């Protein structure tokens, strides 16, 4: 059996495996690479060579850069700015959400932008008293359109640009994709605004993603932190030095002031018979004017003021945050004596203790099920993620991303991203090198940690692309692409050029509804190049059309990860997508066939 036939059989089996979804897509991709080696179509180096391809390196680097922008609060800032300006008018919110998602996609890829904006969009829908289903599918569709605004919008753009360069047609500039992407984005927004209310369901999802953007205000109200406490440190010359703690009566001279607890300099709880000394800390509650008088009269230093007096603004900042934890059974914390204002560890303060829904006043022994409200620096809070002594109520990482716009690391993240974009825009270095510079910059400037960078990479996507790149090469080298292209050209015959473009769009678009758009483009690119060579057309318009058709994944939830992300929160069914997706896809086909030959002549 000749290599072309073997390659087509492997291709057919891979498509069936993708459609049936019986195996993980990464496993299918690896099996494809192994099958190419086992059947002799490729040697081992060629069969696994996709994992060293510059496209794979660039994509992995983009995941790290996207994580830096998201974790530093850049996306939170963009989302909150949109929430302030969009108001509660559903149509206005829809347009603003789609434009923002498209712009973010140029840096975060479709999956990253949808993941970053999804909780915020759900909350905007709830505040506008509208169904999230009216916003979430347009959000995903806007991400698809936004992927065609810049080279970094999706790995498909990089694949197409590299293929154009290798074929001798010249690559595509960084913003060249926007020549077709902007009309497609405008058409997508118009279609969703006009047809969305008629085609999208109005169902309300059972599970709504948590909105932590106003978490500080919620906690401030729930725990009544408006009064709060003061942590006062004894100076060397304080009049309270030498006083036995149980004999301390602050309320006698300072009405309303009461002692909640005390800690030694090593942060251990001071017992009743403890003799106060320099650097001991008293936790005080009471009227601010009386506390101020106490500080002056007794020679104390204010170590921590009430956070609730700042309209909850002090609870979550760039440097510090707040988190609720539940004490589980068998925790070492059980029976430990604590009080509001007590400092634990190096940088965590207990703001409040709740038991059975009620706040505990004064010192108490921790019991199973108690809820502690902790405040401290973000690194200290992050250590609680792996702490088995307590259970986190909300993710600190999610809280920081939603509630801390433009965090302290944001300027560094933006600077690194700007450098990467400039390198790509002016073609100063290959795309993979620019991506690596961006990823390394994020790590060296400590925007993301090394473990965070590893977690940011979607290894499923990396394995999928690395395993399917050899199939794309085999389709070209074995002659399989020529066989398929001959069939397409024969079908088209002597028809006008736009008929070939329509045929390639239909082939790519149809396959892309059941196979990932990246895998689809890897399969179709060699076929498109062969068809262009046989008809004598330029490769650039043909490849740009493949990129557009690859992004037109509107008809099924399994077409892209971003489609799948919105399915649950939007309350969609499998058949919900084509009702809006089919008209949008039809508009894309018409615009692509009309505009692409005008910009990139055949």
Protein backbone atom coordinates (compact mmCIF):
# COMPACT_ATOMS: atom_id res chain seq x y z
CA UNK A 1 0.00 0.00 0.00
CA UNK A 2 1.46 3.38 -0.98
CA UNK A 3 2.17 6.09 1.65
CA UNK A 4 -0.59 8.38 0.34
CA UNK A 5 -3.27 5.74 0.87
CA UNK A 6 -1.91 4.85 4.31
CA UNK A 7 -1.90 8.53 5.29
CA UNK A 8 -5.50 8.97 4.15
CA UNK A 9 -6.56 5.91 6.16
CA UNK A 10 -4.84 7.29 9.27
CA UNK A 11 -6.50 10.65 8.62
CA UNK A 12 -9.93 9.01 8.31
CA UNK A 13 -9.47 7.02 11.52
CA UNK A 14 -8.32 10.15 13.35
CA UNK A 15 -11.41 12.08 12.23
CA UNK A 16 -13.66 9.22 13.36
CA UNK A 17 -11.88 9.13 16.72
CA UNK A 18 -12.34 12.88 17.13
CA UNK A 19 -16.03 12.71 16.22
CA UNK A 20 -16.88 9.75 18.45
CA UNK A 21 -14.96 11.31 21.35
CA UNK A 22 -14.20 7.87 22.79
CA UNK A 23 -10.55 8.76 23.41
CA UNK A 24 -8.99 11.99 24.71
CA UNK A 25 -7.90 14.23 21.84
CA UNK A 26 -4.31 14.16 23.07
CA UNK A 27 -4.27 10.37 22.96
CA UNK A 28 -5.65 10.42 19.40
CA UNK A 29 -2.90 12.83 18.35
CA UNK A 30 -0.19 10.63 19.86
CA UNK A 31 -1.67 7.53 18.25
CA UNK A 32 -1.59 9.32 14.89
CA UNK A 33 2.12 10.07 15.31
CA UNK A 34 2.82 6.46 16.32
CA UNK A 35 0.76 5.12 13.40
CA UNK A 36 2.77 7.20 10.93
CA UNK A 37 5.96 5.69 12.34
CA UNK A 38 4.64 2.13 12.63
CA UNK A 39 3.42 2.06 9.01
CA UNK A 40 6.71 3.41 7.71
CA UNK A 41 5.27 6.66 6.37
CA UNK A 42 7.74 8.54 8.60
CA UNK A 43 10.83 7.68 10.58
CA UNK A 44 10.76 8.18 14.35
CA UNK A 45 12.40 11.61 14.25
CA UNK A 46 9.79 12.91 11.81
CA UNK A 47 6.88 11.28 13.67
CA UNK A 48 7.70 13.04 16.95
CA UNK A 49 9.22 16.13 15.37
CA UNK A 50 6.02 18.11 15.81
CA UNK A 51 6.78 18.65 19.49
CA UNK A 52 9.85 20.65 18.54
CA UNK A 53 8.08 22.70 15.93
CA UNK A 54 8.32 26.51 16.44
CA UNK A 55 4.51 26.70 16.36
CA UNK A 56 4.30 24.51 19.48
CA UNK A 57 6.98 26.56 21.23
CA UNK A 58 5.19 29.81 20.41
CA UNK A 59 1.84 28.53 21.63
CA UNK A 60 3.30 27.29 24.94
CA UNK A 61 4.92 30.69 25.46
CA UNK A 62 1.63 32.48 24.74
CA UNK A 63 -0.08 30.52 27.53
CA UNK A 64 2.50 31.89 29.99
CA UNK A 65 2.13 35.47 28.72
CA UNK A 66 -1.67 35.17 28.97
CA UNK A 67 -1.36 33.91 32.54
CA UNK A 68 0.77 36.93 33.40
CA UNK A 69 -1.83 39.36 32.06
CA UNK A 70 -4.66 37.56 33.81
CA UNK A 71 -3.03 36.96 37.19
CA UNK A 72 -1.65 40.51 37.40
CA UNK A 73 -5.15 41.98 37.19
CA UNK A 74 -5.02 43.41 33.67
CA UNK A 75 -8.09 41.46 32.57
CA UNK A 76 -9.85 42.29 35.86
CA UNK A 77 -9.25 45.98 35.17
CA UNK A 78 -10.64 45.64 31.65
CA UNK A 79 -13.68 43.73 32.89
CA UNK A 80 -14.46 46.15 35.70
CA UNK A 81 -14.03 49.13 33.38
CA UNK A 82 -16.56 47.54 31.06
CA UNK A 83 -18.96 46.84 33.92
CA UNK A 84 -18.86 50.51 34.98
CA UNK A 85 -19.49 51.87 31.50
CA UNK A 86 -21.92 49.30 30.11
CA UNK A 87 -24.63 49.99 32.65
CA UNK A 88 -27.62 47.64 32.69
CA UNK A 89 -28.94 47.94 29.11
CA UNK A 90 -28.69 44.37 27.69
CA UNK A 91 -27.87 45.42 24.12
CA UNK A 92 -25.19 47.82 25.28
CA UNK A 93 -23.71 45.18 27.55
CA UNK A 94 -23.70 42.65 24.71
CA UNK A 95 -21.83 44.95 22.32
CA UNK A 96 -19.33 46.01 24.97
CA UNK A 97 -18.69 42.41 26.05
CA UNK A 98 -18.10 41.23 22.49
CA UNK A 99 -15.73 44.08 21.65
CA UNK A 100 -13.74 43.58 24.86
CA UNK A 101 -13.55 39.81 24.32
CA UNK A 102 -12.32 40.28 20.75
CA UNK A 103 -9.61 42.70 21.87
CA UNK A 104 -8.46 40.46 24.72
CA UNK A 105 -8.33 37.50 22.35
CA UNK A 106 -5.49 39.13 20.42
CA UNK A 107 -3.36 38.61 23.55
CA UNK A 108 -5.04 35.80 25.47
CA UNK A 109 -6.27 33.53 22.61
CA UNK A 110 -10.01 32.67 22.42
CA UNK A 111 -9.94 30.21 25.30
CA UNK A 112 -8.07 32.62 27.57
CA UNK A 113 -10.33 35.61 26.89
CA UNK A 114 -13.54 33.61 27.37
CA UNK A 115 -12.23 32.04 30.58
CA UNK A 116 -11.20 35.46 31.92
CA UNK A 117 -14.47 37.21 31.10
CA UNK A 118 -17.03 34.45 31.69
CA UNK A 119 -17.70 35.06 35.43
CA UNK A 120 -17.93 38.81 34.87
CA UNK A 121 -20.34 38.40 31.94
CA UNK A 122 -22.61 36.11 33.97
CA UNK A 123 -22.76 38.68 36.76
CA UNK A 124 -23.45 41.50 34.28
CA UNK A 125 -26.37 39.47 32.92
CA UNK A 126 -27.74 38.89 36.41
CA UNK A 127 -27.46 42.59 37.26
CA UNK A 128 -29.23 43.47 33.99
CA UNK A 129 -32.00 40.97 34.91
CA UNK A 130 -31.32 39.04 31.70
CA UNK A 131 -30.50 35.41 31.02
CA UNK A 132 -26.75 34.67 30.76
CA UNK A 133 -27.58 32.55 27.70
CA UNK A 134 -28.19 35.77 25.78
CA UNK A 135 -24.58 36.84 26.33
CA UNK A 136 -22.34 33.79 26.64
CA UNK A 137 -22.63 32.29 23.15
CA UNK A 138 -22.00 35.72 21.57
CA UNK A 139 -19.01 35.96 23.93
CA UNK A 140 -17.54 32.77 22.44
CA UNK A 141 -18.35 33.88 18.88
CA UNK A 142 -16.65 37.23 19.51
CA UNK A 143 -13.55 35.34 20.66
CA UNK A 144 -13.52 33.47 17.33
CA UNK A 145 -13.75 36.74 15.43
CA UNK A 146 -11.16 38.37 17.67
CA UNK A 147 -8.70 35.61 16.88
CA UNK A 148 -8.46 37.12 13.39
CA UNK A 149 -7.37 40.56 14.57
CA UNK A 150 -3.67 39.77 15.10
CA UNK A 151 -1.09 37.06 14.60
CA UNK A 152 -1.22 36.17 18.31
CA UNK A 153 -5.01 35.69 18.26
CA UNK A 154 -4.72 31.94 17.79
CA UNK A 155 -2.15 29.33 16.88
CA UNK A 156 -4.07 28.81 13.62
CA UNK A 157 -2.81 32.21 12.46
CA UNK A 158 0.76 31.19 13.17
CA UNK A 159 0.30 27.89 11.30
CA UNK A 160 -1.13 29.68 8.27
CA UNK A 161 1.54 32.41 8.32
CA UNK A 162 4.34 29.84 8.52
CA UNK A 163 2.77 27.79 5.73
CA UNK A 164 2.54 30.88 3.53
CA UNK A 165 6.20 31.69 4.15
CA UNK A 166 7.33 28.11 3.49
CA UNK A 167 5.31 28.02 0.26
CA UNK A 168 7.06 31.14 -1.01
CA UNK A 169 4.02 33.37 -0.81
CA UNK A 170 5.41 35.56 1.97
CA UNK A 171 4.11 35.59 5.53
CA UNK A 172 1.32 37.66 7.01
CA UNK A 173 2.06 40.77 9.07
CA UNK A 174 1.17 40.96 12.73
CA UNK A 175 -1.98 43.03 12.18
CA UNK A 176 -2.62 41.93 8.59
CA UNK A 177 -5.26 39.47 9.76
CA UNK A 178 -7.33 42.43 10.97
CA UNK A 179 -8.03 43.41 7.35
CA UNK A 180 -10.53 40.56 7.22
CA UNK A 181 -10.98 40.19 10.99
CA UNK A 182 -12.53 43.61 11.59
CA UNK A 183 -15.36 43.17 9.03
CA UNK A 184 -16.02 39.69 10.42
CA UNK A 185 -16.13 41.02 13.99
CA UNK A 186 -18.55 43.79 13.01
CA UNK A 187 -20.78 41.29 11.21
CA UNK A 188 -20.67 38.88 14.15
CA UNK A 189 -21.70 41.59 16.61
CA UNK A 190 -24.52 42.73 14.32
CA UNK A 191 -25.78 39.17 13.87
CA UNK A 192 -25.73 38.47 17.61
CA UNK A 193 -27.50 41.74 18.44
CA UNK A 194 -30.22 41.19 15.82
CA UNK A 195 -30.64 37.39 15.84
CA UNK A 196 -29.50 36.54 19.37
CA UNK A 197 -32.76 37.39 21.15
CA UNK A 198 -34.67 35.32 18.55
CA UNK A 199 -32.41 32.26 18.42
CA UNK A 200 -30.80 31.93 21.84
CA UNK A 201 -32.60 30.23 24.75
CA UNK A 202 -33.64 32.21 27.78
CA UNK A 203 -32.82 29.45 30.24
CA UNK A 204 -31.14 30.21 33.54
CA UNK A 205 -28.18 27.95 34.43
CA UNK A 206 -28.32 25.89 37.60
CA UNK A 207 -24.79 26.78 38.61
CA UNK A 208 -23.52 30.34 38.28
CA UNK A 209 -19.81 31.09 38.54
CA UNK A 210 -18.97 33.07 41.68
CA UNK A 211 -18.60 36.82 41.30
CA UNK A 212 -15.83 37.88 43.64
CA UNK A 213 -15.36 41.37 42.24
CA UNK A 214 -17.36 42.81 45.19
CA UNK A 215 -16.28 40.19 47.69
CA UNK A 216 -14.71 42.70 50.05
CA UNK A 217 -17.95 44.67 50.40
CA UNK A 218 -19.89 41.46 50.99
CA UNK A 219 -17.54 40.32 53.75
CA UNK A 220 -17.50 43.76 55.33
CA UNK A 221 -21.30 43.73 55.61
CA UNK A 222 -21.58 40.09 56.69
CA UNK A 223 -18.94 40.34 59.41
CA UNK A 224 -19.84 43.91 60.44
CA UNK A 225 -16.26 45.14 60.16
CA UNK A 226 -17.22 48.81 60.38
CA UNK A 227 -16.00 49.01 63.98
CA UNK A 228 -13.16 46.55 63.91
CA UNK A 229 -10.13 46.47 66.17
CA UNK A 230 -6.73 48.06 66.63
CA UNK A 231 -3.44 46.27 67.15
CA UNK A 232 -1.39 48.47 69.47
CA UNK A 233 2.30 47.75 70.18
CA UNK A 234 3.90 48.71 73.48
CA UNK A 235 6.87 51.04 73.06
CA UNK A 236 9.92 50.74 75.31
CA UNK A 237 8.77 53.68 77.46
CA UNK A 238 5.08 52.75 77.52
CA UNK A 239 3.34 53.29 80.86
CA UNK A 240 1.79 49.85 80.50
CA UNK A 241 5.14 48.01 80.62
CA UNK A 242 5.24 45.89 83.77
CA UNK A 243 1.47 45.63 84.10
CA UNK A 244 -0.07 42.18 84.57
CA UNK A 245 -2.44 41.55 81.69
CA UNK A 246 -5.43 40.50 83.84
CA UNK A 247 -5.11 43.69 85.90
CA UNK A 248 -5.33 45.91 82.83
CA UNK A 249 -8.53 48.00 82.91
CA UNK A 250 -8.53 50.27 79.87
CA UNK A 251 -12.21 51.17 80.02
CA UNK A 252 -11.90 53.03 83.30
CA UNK A 253 -10.08 56.01 81.79
CA UNK A 254 -11.12 55.48 78.19
CA UNK A 255 -14.87 54.73 78.03
CA UNK A 256 -15.91 52.15 75.46
CA UNK A 257 -12.40 50.76 75.01
CA UNK A 258 -12.06 47.06 75.73
CA UNK A 259 -9.22 44.58 75.55
CA UNK A 260 -9.86 41.68 73.16
CA UNK A 261 -6.55 39.88 73.66
CA UNK A 262 -2.79 40.23 73.70
CA UNK A 263 0.19 38.63 72.03
CA UNK A 264 3.87 38.36 72.89
CA UNK A 265 6.52 39.54 70.40
CA UNK A 266 6.79 35.95 69.12
CA UNK A 267 3.03 36.16 68.27
CA UNK A 268 2.02 33.59 70.89
CA UNK A 269 -1.11 34.40 72.90
CA UNK A 270 -0.35 36.16 76.15
CA UNK A 271 -2.01 34.44 79.17
CA UNK A 272 -3.82 36.33 81.91
CA UNK A 273 -0.78 36.36 84.24
CA UNK A 274 1.57 37.64 81.54
CA UNK A 275 3.55 40.75 82.51
CA UNK A 276 3.44 43.20 79.63
CA UNK A 277 6.75 44.21 78.10
CA UNK A 278 8.09 46.14 75.09
CA UNK A 279 6.83 44.96 71.68
CA UNK A 280 3.87 43.10 73.19
CA UNK A 281 0.70 43.75 71.16
CA UNK A 282 -2.70 44.61 72.60
CA UNK A 283 -5.77 44.06 70.47
CA UNK A 284 -8.23 46.84 71.31
CA UNK A 285 -11.79 47.63 70.23
CA UNK A 286 -13.59 50.87 70.89
CA UNK A 287 -14.41 54.38 69.66
CA UNK A 288 -11.62 55.81 67.48
CA UNK A 289 -11.30 59.00 69.56
CA UNK A 290 -10.86 57.03 72.78
CA UNK A 291 -8.35 54.68 71.18
CA UNK A 292 -6.38 57.69 69.92
CA UNK A 293 -6.27 59.11 73.44
CA UNK A 294 -5.13 55.74 74.80
CA UNK A 295 -2.31 55.58 72.27
CA UNK A 296 -1.03 59.01 73.27
CA UNK A 297 -1.47 58.55 77.03
CA UNK A 298 0.10 55.08 77.22
CA UNK A 299 2.96 55.38 74.72
CA UNK A 300 1.62 52.88 72.21
CA UNK A 301 2.22 52.45 68.48
CA UNK A 302 -0.57 51.60 66.08
CA UNK A 303 0.36 48.34 64.32
CA UNK A 304 -2.97 47.84 62.51
CA UNK A 305 -6.10 49.95 62.17
CA UNK A 306 -9.63 48.66 61.45
CA UNK A 307 -9.94 47.68 57.80
CA UNK A 308 -13.70 48.08 57.67
CA UNK A 309 -13.54 51.84 58.16
CA UNK A 310 -12.29 52.21 54.60
CA UNK A 311 -15.56 51.01 53.01
CA UNK A 312 -13.99 47.58 52.66
CA UNK A 313 -11.34 49.07 50.39
CA UNK A 314 -8.58 47.96 52.73
CA UNK A 315 -9.67 44.32 52.73
CA UNK A 316 -8.50 43.56 49.20
CA UNK A 317 -5.60 45.55 47.77
CA UNK A 318 -2.67 44.91 45.47
CA UNK A 319 -0.52 43.82 48.40
CA UNK A 320 -2.97 42.10 50.73
CA UNK A 321 -6.28 40.26 50.68
CA UNK A 322 -8.85 38.47 52.77
CA UNK A 323 -10.06 34.88 52.80
CA UNK A 324 -12.56 32.75 54.69
CA UNK A 325 -11.45 29.35 55.98
CA UNK A 326 -13.36 26.56 57.65
CA UNK A 327 -11.77 24.46 60.38
CA UNK A 328 -12.22 20.79 59.38
CA UNK A 329 -12.37 17.74 61.68
CA UNK A 330 -9.03 16.62 63.17
CA UNK A 331 -7.41 19.97 62.39
CA UNK A 332 -4.45 20.91 64.62
CA UNK A 333 -6.25 24.21 65.20
CA UNK A 334 -8.96 22.54 67.30
CA UNK A 335 -8.95 23.81 70.92
CA UNK A 336 -6.46 26.58 70.08
CA UNK A 337 -7.48 29.79 71.81
CA UNK A 338 -7.97 32.64 69.36
CA UNK A 339 -9.57 36.07 69.15
CA UNK A 340 -10.35 38.69 66.53
CA UNK A 341 -7.20 40.72 65.88
CA UNK A 342 -4.84 37.87 66.72
CA UNK A 343 -1.89 37.47 64.36
CA UNK A 344 -1.07 33.95 63.22
CA UNK A 345 2.06 32.99 61.38
CA UNK A 346 4.23 35.62 59.80
CA UNK A 347 1.62 37.73 58.03
CA UNK A 348 -1.97 36.63 58.72
CA UNK A 349 -4.41 38.33 61.10
CA UNK A 350 -7.73 36.87 62.26
CA UNK A 351 -10.37 39.50 61.52
CA UNK A 352 -13.34 37.57 62.88
CA UNK A 353 -14.47 34.17 64.14
CA UNK A 354 -17.90 32.78 63.25
CA UNK A 355 -19.63 29.80 64.82
CA UNK A 356 -22.98 28.52 63.56
CA UNK A 357 -23.58 31.72 61.63
CA UNK A 358 -22.91 34.05 64.56
CA UNK A 359 -19.81 36.08 65.28
CA UNK A 360 -17.86 35.11 68.40
CA UNK A 361 -16.87 38.02 70.64
CA UNK A 362 -13.66 37.85 72.67
CA UNK A 363 -11.38 34.87 73.13
CA UNK A 364 -12.63 31.40 72.23
CA UNK A 365 -11.36 27.86 71.71
CA UNK A 366 -11.54 26.79 68.07
CA UNK A 367 -14.04 24.02 67.41
CA UNK A 368 -14.85 21.98 64.32
CA UNK A 369 -16.80 23.99 61.71
CA UNK A 370 -15.67 27.43 62.88
CA UNK A 371 -15.17 29.98 60.11
CA UNK A 372 -12.16 32.27 60.40
CA UNK A 373 -11.83 35.46 58.39
CA UNK A 374 -8.11 35.96 57.72
CA UNK A 375 -6.33 39.00 56.33
CA UNK A 376 -2.76 39.23 55.16
CA UNK A 377 -0.31 39.58 52.31
CA UNK A 378 -1.18 37.59 49.18
CA UNK A 379 1.87 35.28 49.46
CA UNK A 380 0.79 34.36 53.00
CA UNK A 381 -2.77 33.73 51.83
CA UNK A 382 -1.52 31.60 48.94
CA UNK A 383 0.17 29.25 51.42
CA UNK A 384 -3.29 28.29 52.68
CA UNK A 385 -4.11 26.63 49.35
CA UNK A 386 -2.02 23.59 50.30
CA UNK A 387 -2.63 23.91 54.05
CA UNK A 388 -4.54 20.86 55.31
CA UNK A 389 -5.34 22.54 58.64
CA UNK A 390 -8.09 24.68 57.07
CA UNK A 391 -10.46 24.55 54.09
CA UNK A 392 -10.70 27.58 51.82
CA UNK A 393 -14.20 28.89 51.07
CA UNK A 394 -13.17 30.80 47.93
CA UNK A 395 -10.11 30.57 45.73
CA UNK A 396 -7.59 33.32 46.64
CA UNK A 397 -6.32 33.25 43.07
CA UNK A 398 -9.82 33.76 41.64
CA UNK A 399 -10.50 36.54 44.16
CA UNK A 400 -7.28 38.32 43.28
CA UNK A 401 -7.95 38.07 39.54
CA UNK A 402 -11.48 39.46 39.82
CA UNK A 403 -11.14 42.00 42.62
CA UNK A 404 -7.64 43.46 42.20
CA UNK A 405 -7.56 45.36 38.90
CA UNK A 406 -4.10 46.39 37.72
CA UNK A 407 -2.26 44.76 40.60
CA UNK A 408 1.31 45.58 41.51
CA UNK A 409 2.61 43.27 38.80
CA UNK A 410 0.42 44.74 36.05
CA UNK A 411 2.95 47.33 34.77
CA UNK A 412 5.57 44.62 34.37
CA UNK A 413 3.10 42.31 32.63
CA UNK A 414 2.06 45.06 30.22
CA UNK A 415 5.68 45.99 29.52
CA UNK A 416 6.62 42.40 28.70
CA UNK A 417 3.58 42.01 26.49
CA UNK A 418 4.35 45.26 24.67
CA UNK A 419 7.90 44.10 23.94
CA UNK A 420 6.61 40.80 22.59
CA UNK A 421 4.00 42.50 20.39
CA UNK A 422 6.57 44.95 19.00
CA UNK A 423 8.95 42.13 18.16
CA UNK A 424 6.15 40.32 16.34
CA UNK A 425 4.71 43.40 14.66
CA UNK A 426 8.04 44.49 13.16
CA UNK A 427 9.22 40.95 12.44
CA UNK A 428 12.48 41.52 14.34
CA UNK A 429 12.70 37.89 15.46
CA UNK A 430 10.79 34.69 14.62
CA UNK A 431 7.43 34.29 16.37
CA UNK A 432 8.69 31.47 18.60
CA UNK A 433 11.60 33.62 19.80
CA UNK A 434 9.31 36.57 20.55
CA UNK A 435 6.98 34.27 22.50
CA UNK A 436 9.87 32.82 24.51
CA UNK A 437 11.14 36.33 25.30
CA UNK A 438 7.64 37.18 26.58
CA UNK A 439 7.33 34.02 28.67
CA UNK A 440 10.83 34.31 30.14
CA UNK A 441 10.21 37.99 30.88
CA UNK A 442 7.07 37.13 32.82
CA UNK A 443 9.03 34.66 34.95
CA UNK A 444 12.20 36.74 35.45
CA UNK A 445 10.18 39.81 36.45
CA UNK A 446 8.19 37.60 38.84
CA UNK A 447 4.86 38.30 37.24
CA UNK A 448 4.31 34.53 37.32
CA UNK A 449 6.21 31.90 39.28
CA UNK A 450 7.83 28.92 37.62
CA UNK A 451 5.17 26.47 38.92
CA UNK A 452 2.46 28.92 37.83
CA UNK A 453 4.00 29.07 34.35
CA UNK A 454 3.95 25.28 34.08
CA UNK A 455 0.32 25.19 35.21
CA UNK A 456 -0.63 27.90 32.72
CA UNK A 457 0.33 25.81 29.70
CA UNK A 458 -2.55 23.74 28.33
CA UNK A 459 -0.62 20.53 27.80
CA UNK A 460 -3.62 18.92 26.12
CA UNK A 461 -3.40 21.54 23.37
CA UNK A 462 0.38 21.16 23.12
CA UNK A 463 0.11 17.39 22.75
CA UNK A 464 -2.72 17.75 20.23
CA UNK A 465 -0.75 20.09 17.99
CA UNK A 466 2.58 18.31 18.43
CA UNK A 467 1.01 14.99 17.51
CA UNK A 468 -0.90 16.29 14.47
CA UNK A 469 1.84 18.38 12.86
CA UNK A 470 3.49 15.17 11.53
CA UNK A 471 0.13 14.18 10.00
CA UNK A 472 -0.01 17.52 8.21
CA UNK A 473 3.53 16.95 6.90
CA UNK A 474 2.67 13.40 5.86
CA UNK A 475 -0.43 14.57 3.96
CA UNK A 476 1.86 16.83 1.92
CA UNK A 477 4.90 14.58 1.47
CA UNK A 478 3.01 11.37 0.71
CA UNK A 479 0.92 12.91 -2.04
CA UNK A 480 -2.35 12.58 -0.10
CA UNK A 481 -2.90 16.33 -0.31
CA UNK A 482 -2.60 16.19 -4.09
CA UNK A 483 -5.18 13.41 -4.26
CA UNK A 484 -7.74 15.38 -2.22
CA UNK A 485 -6.90 18.61 -4.04
CA UNK A 486 -7.38 16.88 -7.39
CA UNK A 487 -10.85 15.83 -6.26
CA UNK A 488 -11.73 19.37 -5.19
CA UNK A 489 -10.39 20.89 -8.41
CA UNK A 490 -12.21 18.29 -10.49
CA UNK A 491 -15.41 19.05 -8.62
CA UNK A 492 -14.98 22.78 -9.16
CA UNK A 493 -13.96 22.36 -12.79
CA UNK A 494 -13.72 25.58 -14.78
CA UNK A 495 -15.93 27.49 -12.39
CA UNK A 496 -14.89 31.00 -11.29
CA UNK A 497 -12.17 31.24 -8.59
CA UNK A 498 -14.63 32.02 -5.83
CA UNK A 499 -16.11 28.53 -6.22
CA UNK A 500 -12.78 27.01 -5.11
CA UNK A 501 -12.77 29.34 -2.12
CA UNK A 502 -16.30 28.27 -1.25
CA UNK A 503 -15.31 24.59 -1.53
CA UNK A 504 -12.30 25.05 0.76
CA UNK A 505 -14.40 27.05 3.25
CA UNK A 506 -17.07 24.34 3.35
CA UNK A 507 -14.44 21.59 3.76
CA UNK A 508 -12.62 23.43 6.55
CA UNK A 509 -15.78 24.69 8.24
CA UNK A 510 -17.48 21.31 8.21
CA UNK A 511 -14.48 19.45 9.57
CA UNK A 512 -13.94 22.17 12.17
CA UNK A 513 -17.32 21.55 13.79
CA UNK A 514 -16.27 18.11 15.01
CA UNK A 515 -12.47 18.42 15.14
CA UNK A 516 -10.56 21.22 16.86
CA UNK A 517 -9.91 24.15 14.59
CA UNK A 518 -6.16 23.74 15.08
CA UNK A 519 -6.27 20.11 14.00
CA UNK A 520 -8.58 21.01 11.11
CA UNK A 521 -6.23 23.68 9.78
CA UNK A 522 -3.23 21.38 10.09
CA UNK A 523 -5.11 18.86 7.95
CA UNK A 524 -6.51 21.31 5.38
CA UNK A 525 -3.45 23.55 4.84
CA UNK A 526 -1.54 21.05 2.69
CA UNK A 527 -4.72 20.35 0.71
CA UNK A 528 -5.27 24.07 0.15
CA UNK A 529 -1.66 24.54 -0.95
CA UNK A 530 -1.94 21.67 -3.41
CA UNK A 531 -5.20 23.10 -4.81
CA UNK A 532 -3.60 26.52 -5.19
CA UNK A 533 -0.63 25.02 -7.01
CA UNK A 534 -2.83 23.03 -9.38
CA UNK A 535 -5.03 26.00 -10.26
CA UNK A 536 -2.18 28.52 -10.34
CA UNK A 537 -3.70 30.72 -7.65
CA UNK A 538 -1.63 32.62 -5.08
CA UNK A 539 -1.23 30.81 -1.75
CA UNK A 540 -1.97 33.84 0.44
CA UNK A 541 -5.70 34.28 -0.31
CA UNK A 542 -6.24 30.53 -0.16
CA UNK A 543 -4.50 30.20 3.21
CA UNK A 544 -6.24 33.27 4.64
CA UNK A 545 -9.57 31.74 3.70
CA UNK A 546 -8.55 28.54 5.51
CA UNK A 547 -7.73 30.62 8.60
CA UNK A 548 -11.13 32.31 8.46
CA UNK A 549 -12.96 29.01 7.93
CA UNK A 550 -10.96 27.45 10.76
CA UNK A 551 -12.16 30.19 13.11
CA UNK A 552 -15.80 29.75 12.01
CA UNK A 553 -16.46 27.06 14.62
CA UNK A 554 -20.01 28.04 15.49
CA UNK A 555 -22.26 25.01 15.04
CA UNK A 556 -21.37 22.65 17.90
CA UNK A 557 -20.12 22.95 21.48
CA UNK A 558 -17.28 20.51 20.78
CA UNK A 559 -15.87 22.66 17.97
CA UNK A 560 -13.69 24.71 20.34
CA UNK A 561 -12.89 24.85 24.03
CA UNK A 562 -14.42 28.33 24.24
CA UNK A 563 -17.74 26.98 22.91
CA UNK A 564 -17.62 24.25 25.53
CA UNK A 565 -16.81 26.71 28.33
CA UNK A 566 -20.05 28.64 27.88
CA UNK A 567 -22.30 25.59 27.48
CA UNK A 568 -22.89 24.93 31.19
CA UNK A 569 -23.04 28.54 32.47
CA UNK A 570 -25.27 29.46 29.51
CA UNK A 571 -27.62 26.51 29.99
CA UNK A 572 -27.19 25.51 26.32
CA UNK A 573 -27.93 22.17 24.69
CA UNK A 574 -25.93 20.59 21.87
CA UNK A 575 -28.43 21.86 19.32
CA UNK A 576 -28.50 25.41 20.66
CA UNK A 577 -25.40 26.47 18.75
CA UNK A 578 -26.43 26.03 15.13
CA UNK A 579 -29.47 28.30 15.40
CA UNK A 580 -27.27 31.35 15.82
CA UNK A 581 -24.07 29.80 14.50
CA UNK A 582 -25.38 28.89 11.04
CA UNK A 583 -26.39 32.47 10.07
CA UNK A 584 -23.11 33.80 11.45
CA UNK A 585 -21.16 31.18 9.53
CA UNK A 586 -23.06 32.04 6.36
CA UNK A 587 -22.19 35.71 6.76
CA UNK A 588 -18.54 34.78 7.29
CA UNK A 589 -18.53 32.72 4.09
CA UNK A 590 -19.95 35.58 2.03
CA UNK A 591 -17.59 38.18 3.48
CA UNK A 592 -14.54 35.94 3.16
CA UNK A 593 -15.21 35.12 -0.49
CA UNK A 594 -15.88 38.78 -1.32
CA UNK A 595 -13.16 40.53 0.70
CA UNK A 596 -10.17 38.17 0.69
CA UNK A 597 -9.55 38.28 -3.12
CA UNK A 598 -9.70 42.08 -2.99
CA UNK A 599 -6.95 42.30 -0.35
CA UNK A 600 -4.86 39.28 -1.37
CA UNK A 601 -5.38 38.86 -5.14
CA UNK A 602 -5.71 35.34 -6.48
